[in-house]
Protein backbone atom coordinates (compact mmCIF):
# COMPACT_ATOMS: atom_id res chain seq x y z
CA MET A 1 -232.45 -179.88 205.02
CA LYS A 2 -229.16 -180.30 202.93
CA TYR A 3 -227.87 -177.04 201.09
CA PHE A 4 -224.97 -176.68 198.34
CA GLU A 5 -223.11 -173.81 196.89
CA LEU A 6 -223.59 -173.01 193.32
CA LYS A 7 -219.86 -173.19 192.09
CA ASN A 8 -218.76 -172.36 188.30
CA VAL A 9 -216.47 -175.10 186.61
CA PRO A 10 -213.42 -173.52 185.82
CA ASN A 11 -212.39 -172.71 182.40
CA LYS A 12 -209.28 -170.44 182.25
CA SER A 13 -210.04 -169.43 178.45
CA LEU A 14 -213.54 -168.32 178.90
CA ILE A 15 -212.80 -164.53 179.70
CA ARG A 16 -210.66 -162.68 176.87
CA ASP A 17 -210.98 -159.27 177.83
CA TYR A 18 -213.15 -156.40 179.31
CA LEU A 19 -214.95 -153.33 177.50
CA ASP A 20 -214.54 -150.31 179.74
CA LYS A 21 -217.40 -148.47 179.46
CA ARG A 22 -216.48 -146.07 182.51
CA LYS A 23 -216.49 -142.77 182.77
CA VAL A 24 -213.69 -141.16 184.61
CA GLY A 25 -214.59 -140.47 188.23
CA ASP A 26 -218.23 -141.70 187.47
CA PRO A 27 -219.81 -142.77 190.97
CA ALA A 28 -222.06 -144.97 188.92
CA ASN A 29 -218.86 -147.34 188.22
CA ILE A 30 -219.70 -150.76 189.27
CA TRP A 31 -216.17 -151.23 191.28
CA ASN A 32 -217.60 -148.49 193.29
CA PHE A 33 -219.83 -150.42 195.26
CA GLU A 34 -218.95 -152.94 197.65
CA ASP A 35 -220.77 -156.55 197.35
CA GLY A 36 -223.25 -156.57 199.78
CA CYS A 37 -224.77 -153.33 200.01
CA GLU A 38 -227.91 -152.25 197.82
CA ILE A 39 -227.25 -150.71 194.71
CA LYS A 40 -229.61 -147.41 193.75
CA GLY A 41 -230.11 -147.11 190.00
CA GLN A 42 -228.21 -148.64 187.28
CA PRO A 43 -224.65 -148.75 187.87
CA ILE A 44 -222.05 -149.02 184.71
CA VAL A 45 -220.88 -152.64 183.84
CA PRO A 46 -218.08 -153.58 181.10
CA ALA A 47 -219.08 -155.55 179.05
CA VAL A 48 -217.31 -158.98 178.55
CA LEU A 49 -215.21 -160.51 175.74
CA ILE A 50 -215.89 -164.38 175.84
CA ASP A 51 -213.38 -166.57 173.93
CA SER A 52 -215.05 -167.96 170.53
CA ARG A 53 -214.19 -171.23 171.17
CA VAL A 54 -216.07 -172.03 174.52
CA LYS A 55 -219.95 -172.37 175.14
CA ILE A 56 -220.72 -169.95 177.50
CA PRO A 57 -221.47 -171.07 181.11
CA ASP A 58 -224.80 -170.44 182.75
CA LEU A 59 -223.03 -169.28 185.55
CA PHE A 60 -219.30 -167.96 186.01
CA LYS A 61 -216.99 -165.54 188.13
CA PRO A 62 -216.68 -162.76 185.42
CA GLY A 63 -213.48 -161.56 187.16
CA GLY A 64 -211.49 -158.21 186.90
CA PRO A 65 -213.54 -155.23 187.56
CA LEU A 66 -216.58 -157.35 188.16
CA SER A 67 -214.92 -159.15 191.00
CA PRO A 68 -216.38 -161.06 193.16
CA ARG A 69 -219.65 -160.88 191.73
CA THR A 70 -221.43 -163.88 189.84
CA ALA A 71 -222.78 -163.91 186.43
CA VAL A 72 -225.85 -166.41 185.36
CA SER A 73 -227.99 -166.69 182.01
CA GLY A 74 -231.38 -165.09 182.10
CA GLN A 75 -232.68 -168.65 182.22
CA LEU A 76 -231.08 -169.58 185.52
CA ARG A 77 -231.87 -165.91 186.83
CA ALA A 78 -235.52 -166.97 186.20
CA VAL A 79 -235.11 -170.01 188.63
CA LEU A 80 -233.38 -168.42 191.07
CA GLU A 81 -235.97 -165.44 191.30
CA LYS A 82 -238.80 -167.51 191.63
CA ALA A 83 -236.78 -169.34 194.53
CA GLY A 84 -237.09 -166.02 195.97
CA ALA A 85 -233.56 -164.85 195.64
CA ASN A 86 -234.96 -161.39 195.09
CA GLN A 87 -234.80 -161.14 198.99
CA CYS A 88 -230.79 -161.06 198.86
CA MET A 89 -229.61 -160.24 195.66
CA GLN A 90 -229.93 -157.96 192.77
CA PHE A 91 -229.43 -158.68 188.76
CA PHE A 92 -228.03 -156.00 186.43
CA PRO A 93 -227.64 -156.78 182.96
CA LEU A 94 -224.28 -158.03 181.69
CA GLU A 95 -223.15 -157.84 177.88
CA LEU A 96 -220.99 -160.62 176.49
CA ILE A 97 -219.40 -160.12 173.51
CA GLN A 98 -218.42 -163.67 171.53
CA LYS A 99 -217.89 -163.61 167.83
CA GLU A 100 -218.36 -160.13 167.34
CA LYS A 101 -221.83 -160.85 168.28
CA LEU A 102 -223.74 -158.79 171.37
CA LEU A 103 -225.29 -161.42 173.86
CA LYS A 104 -227.35 -159.61 176.38
CA ASP A 105 -229.51 -162.07 178.11
CA TYR A 106 -226.70 -162.51 181.03
CA TRP A 107 -226.94 -160.90 184.32
CA MET A 108 -224.52 -159.80 186.99
CA THR A 109 -225.59 -160.55 190.82
CA ASN A 110 -225.31 -157.84 193.57
CA PHE A 111 -225.43 -159.44 197.21
CA THR A 112 -227.58 -157.35 199.25
CA SER A 113 -228.07 -159.22 202.56
CA PHE A 114 -226.84 -162.09 204.51
CA SER A 115 -227.77 -165.29 206.44
CA ASN A 116 -224.89 -166.22 208.70
CA HIS A 117 -227.46 -166.51 211.60
CA LEU A 118 -228.81 -169.41 210.08
CA ILE A 119 -225.40 -171.08 210.70
CA ASP A 120 -225.70 -174.21 212.79
CA PHE A 121 -222.43 -173.81 214.93
CA ASP A 122 -223.20 -176.77 217.17
CA LYS A 123 -222.55 -178.87 213.86
CA SER A 124 -220.15 -176.75 211.85
CA VAL A 125 -216.51 -177.27 212.12
CA PHE A 126 -213.78 -174.77 211.37
CA ILE A 127 -210.11 -174.69 210.64
CA GLU A 128 -207.87 -172.51 212.24
CA VAL A 129 -204.82 -172.12 209.98
CA ARG A 130 -202.13 -170.18 211.89
CA ALA A 131 -198.40 -169.36 210.09
CA VAL A 132 -195.65 -170.33 212.33
CA ASN A 133 -192.34 -168.92 211.66
CA ILE A 134 -189.82 -171.90 211.45
CA ALA A 135 -186.42 -170.23 211.19
CA THR A 136 -183.86 -171.90 212.91
CA LYS A 137 -181.92 -169.08 214.07
CA SER A 138 -183.12 -165.67 215.26
CA TYR A 139 -180.97 -163.48 212.36
CA LEU A 140 -182.73 -165.38 209.84
CA PRO A 141 -185.06 -163.91 207.60
CA PRO A 142 -188.77 -165.43 208.80
CA LYS A 143 -189.77 -168.66 207.34
CA TYR A 144 -193.20 -169.52 207.50
CA ALA A 145 -195.23 -172.67 207.71
CA CYS A 146 -199.06 -173.56 208.35
CA THR A 147 -200.58 -175.21 211.11
CA TYR A 148 -204.03 -176.56 210.76
CA LEU A 149 -206.45 -176.96 214.00
CA GLU A 150 -209.94 -178.17 213.90
CA LYS A 151 -211.87 -175.58 216.01
CA ARG A 152 -215.60 -175.57 216.99
CA LEU A 153 -216.97 -172.09 217.72
CA LYS A 154 -219.99 -171.44 219.73
CA ASN A 155 -221.56 -168.41 217.46
CA LEU A 156 -221.00 -165.59 215.06
CA ASP A 157 -219.90 -163.52 218.29
CA ASP A 158 -217.31 -166.23 219.17
CA LEU A 159 -215.88 -166.52 215.64
CA GLU A 160 -215.65 -162.61 215.41
CA SER A 161 -213.74 -162.58 218.93
CA GLN A 162 -211.65 -165.22 217.59
CA LYS A 163 -210.70 -163.28 214.95
CA LYS A 164 -210.20 -160.07 217.07
CA MET A 165 -207.91 -162.22 219.44
CA THR A 166 -205.58 -163.71 216.85
CA LYS A 167 -205.57 -160.51 214.07
CA ALA A 168 -201.80 -159.94 214.91
CA GLU A 169 -200.88 -163.50 214.80
CA LYS A 170 -201.22 -164.44 211.06
CA VAL A 171 -204.35 -166.54 211.90
CA LEU A 172 -207.20 -167.57 209.39
CA PHE A 173 -210.46 -169.27 210.18
CA HIS A 174 -211.78 -171.39 207.05
CA PRO A 175 -215.05 -173.44 207.40
CA GLU A 176 -214.29 -177.11 207.06
CA ARG A 177 -217.96 -178.16 207.12
CA ILE A 178 -220.80 -176.01 207.46
CA TYR A 179 -224.36 -176.91 208.36
CA LEU A 180 -227.32 -174.81 208.69
CA LYS A 181 -229.87 -174.88 211.13
CA ASP A 182 -232.69 -177.81 210.80
CA ASP A 183 -235.61 -175.17 210.78
CA VAL A 184 -234.32 -173.17 207.83
CA ALA A 185 -236.75 -173.25 205.07
CA THR A 186 -235.82 -170.83 202.61
CA ASP A 187 -234.51 -172.07 199.12
CA VAL A 188 -231.70 -169.35 198.62
CA VAL A 189 -229.26 -168.20 200.94
CA LEU A 190 -225.91 -166.23 201.30
CA ILE A 191 -223.01 -166.54 203.67
CA LYS A 192 -220.60 -163.71 204.41
CA LYS A 193 -216.62 -163.73 205.00
CA LEU A 194 -216.67 -167.14 205.58
CA SER A 195 -214.73 -168.24 202.24
CA ILE A 196 -218.26 -169.20 200.88
CA PHE A 197 -218.97 -166.70 198.02
CA GLY A 198 -221.15 -168.63 196.09
CA ILE A 199 -224.98 -168.66 195.79
CA VAL A 200 -226.30 -171.22 198.49
CA VAL A 201 -229.32 -173.48 197.40
CA SER A 202 -231.38 -175.88 199.22
CA GLU A 203 -231.81 -179.29 197.85
CA LYS A 204 -234.84 -179.08 196.58
CA LEU A 205 -233.64 -176.03 194.59
CA LYS A 206 -230.55 -178.04 193.35
CA ASN A 207 -232.71 -180.68 191.95
CA ILE A 208 -234.71 -178.06 189.98
CA ILE A 209 -231.71 -176.16 188.66
CA GLU A 210 -229.97 -180.00 187.98
CA GLU A 211 -232.97 -180.94 185.76
CA LYS A 212 -232.84 -177.95 183.47
CA GLY A 213 -229.44 -179.09 182.31
CA PHE A 214 -227.57 -175.61 183.00
CA VAL A 215 -223.56 -175.64 181.49
CA GLY A 216 -220.94 -175.17 183.95
CA VAL A 217 -222.67 -175.29 187.18
CA GLY A 218 -221.55 -177.38 190.14
CA TYR A 219 -222.98 -178.24 193.28
CA LYS A 220 -220.81 -178.38 196.69
CA PRO A 221 -221.96 -179.54 199.72
CA LEU A 222 -221.98 -177.08 202.35
CA ASP A 223 -220.76 -180.09 204.40
CA MET A 224 -218.14 -181.15 202.22
CA ASN A 225 -214.24 -179.66 202.71
CA ASP A 226 -212.81 -177.74 199.74
CA GLU A 227 -210.00 -180.93 199.32
CA GLU A 228 -212.91 -183.33 199.17
CA TRP A 229 -214.44 -180.87 196.61
CA HIS A 230 -211.61 -180.58 194.36
CA LYS A 231 -210.87 -184.37 194.10
CA LEU A 232 -214.52 -184.89 192.91
CA VAL A 233 -214.34 -182.25 190.04
CA ILE A 234 -211.07 -183.63 189.09
CA SER A 235 -212.46 -187.40 188.91
CA SER A 236 -215.42 -186.17 187.44
CA PHE A 237 -213.51 -184.56 184.23
CA LYS A 238 -211.30 -187.91 184.22
CA LYS A 239 -214.51 -190.14 183.35
C-alpha cells in the first residue's frame, strides 16, 4: 500500500501572534511536554491570532510555542479519528482568533507513539549528508561544503549505529525515499526522527481526505524526495 505524509501548504501570513495564557512556572504549559509522550490532563495552550486576510486551512503548523505540533480542524480530526488516529496521537483544544472572533473547533495534535519498525529498509533509500572542510590552508577558518552519498541501511539498529559512529563528523542521515513494509494495514502512521514530521496516511485514507475537499492539505508520497515534492508544489501554484 502506498503512503503519504500530510503537508500543510505554506502560508507565511497565516500566524500573526500568540495569546499567552501561561502561568509562570506552571508545569502544565504545553512546551513542558515533549511531543512523543502522552499528556495526562489538559495542558495550557496559547491561543493563535490568525491574519484577517487568509482562509484558515484544515491542517497547519502553528509554530512558535506550539512547535513542532500540527493543528487540524474539527472535520479533519473526525476523519483521522475514524481511521484510528487515537492509537498514536492526542487532540487538545486550540483556540484561534481571527477578526476578533474566537474560533474553537480546531485541535492541536500530540504524538504519543511511533512506528519506525514498519519501515522497509530493503527498499528505503537514505542520503548521508557530510560537511567537509574545503579551506585550502590550515591556518584559514574552516569553510564547509556538503557532500551527498546515497546509502542503504539494514534496519533501525544500523541507522542508530551509523549516527553514533559519525556523531562528531558533522554528518546527518536524511530520508530520500521511504517505503513501508508490504503487510502494513494501518491507515495512520507516525515516523520519528527521520525528517518526517507530519501525519502519514494510507492511500485509502488520502483518497477519503481528498474527497472532503479540505483546505491547505498536501499529500507528499513517502517515496518522493524533498526536491521533487517542492517542484510539484511550485508547479501547482503556477497553474
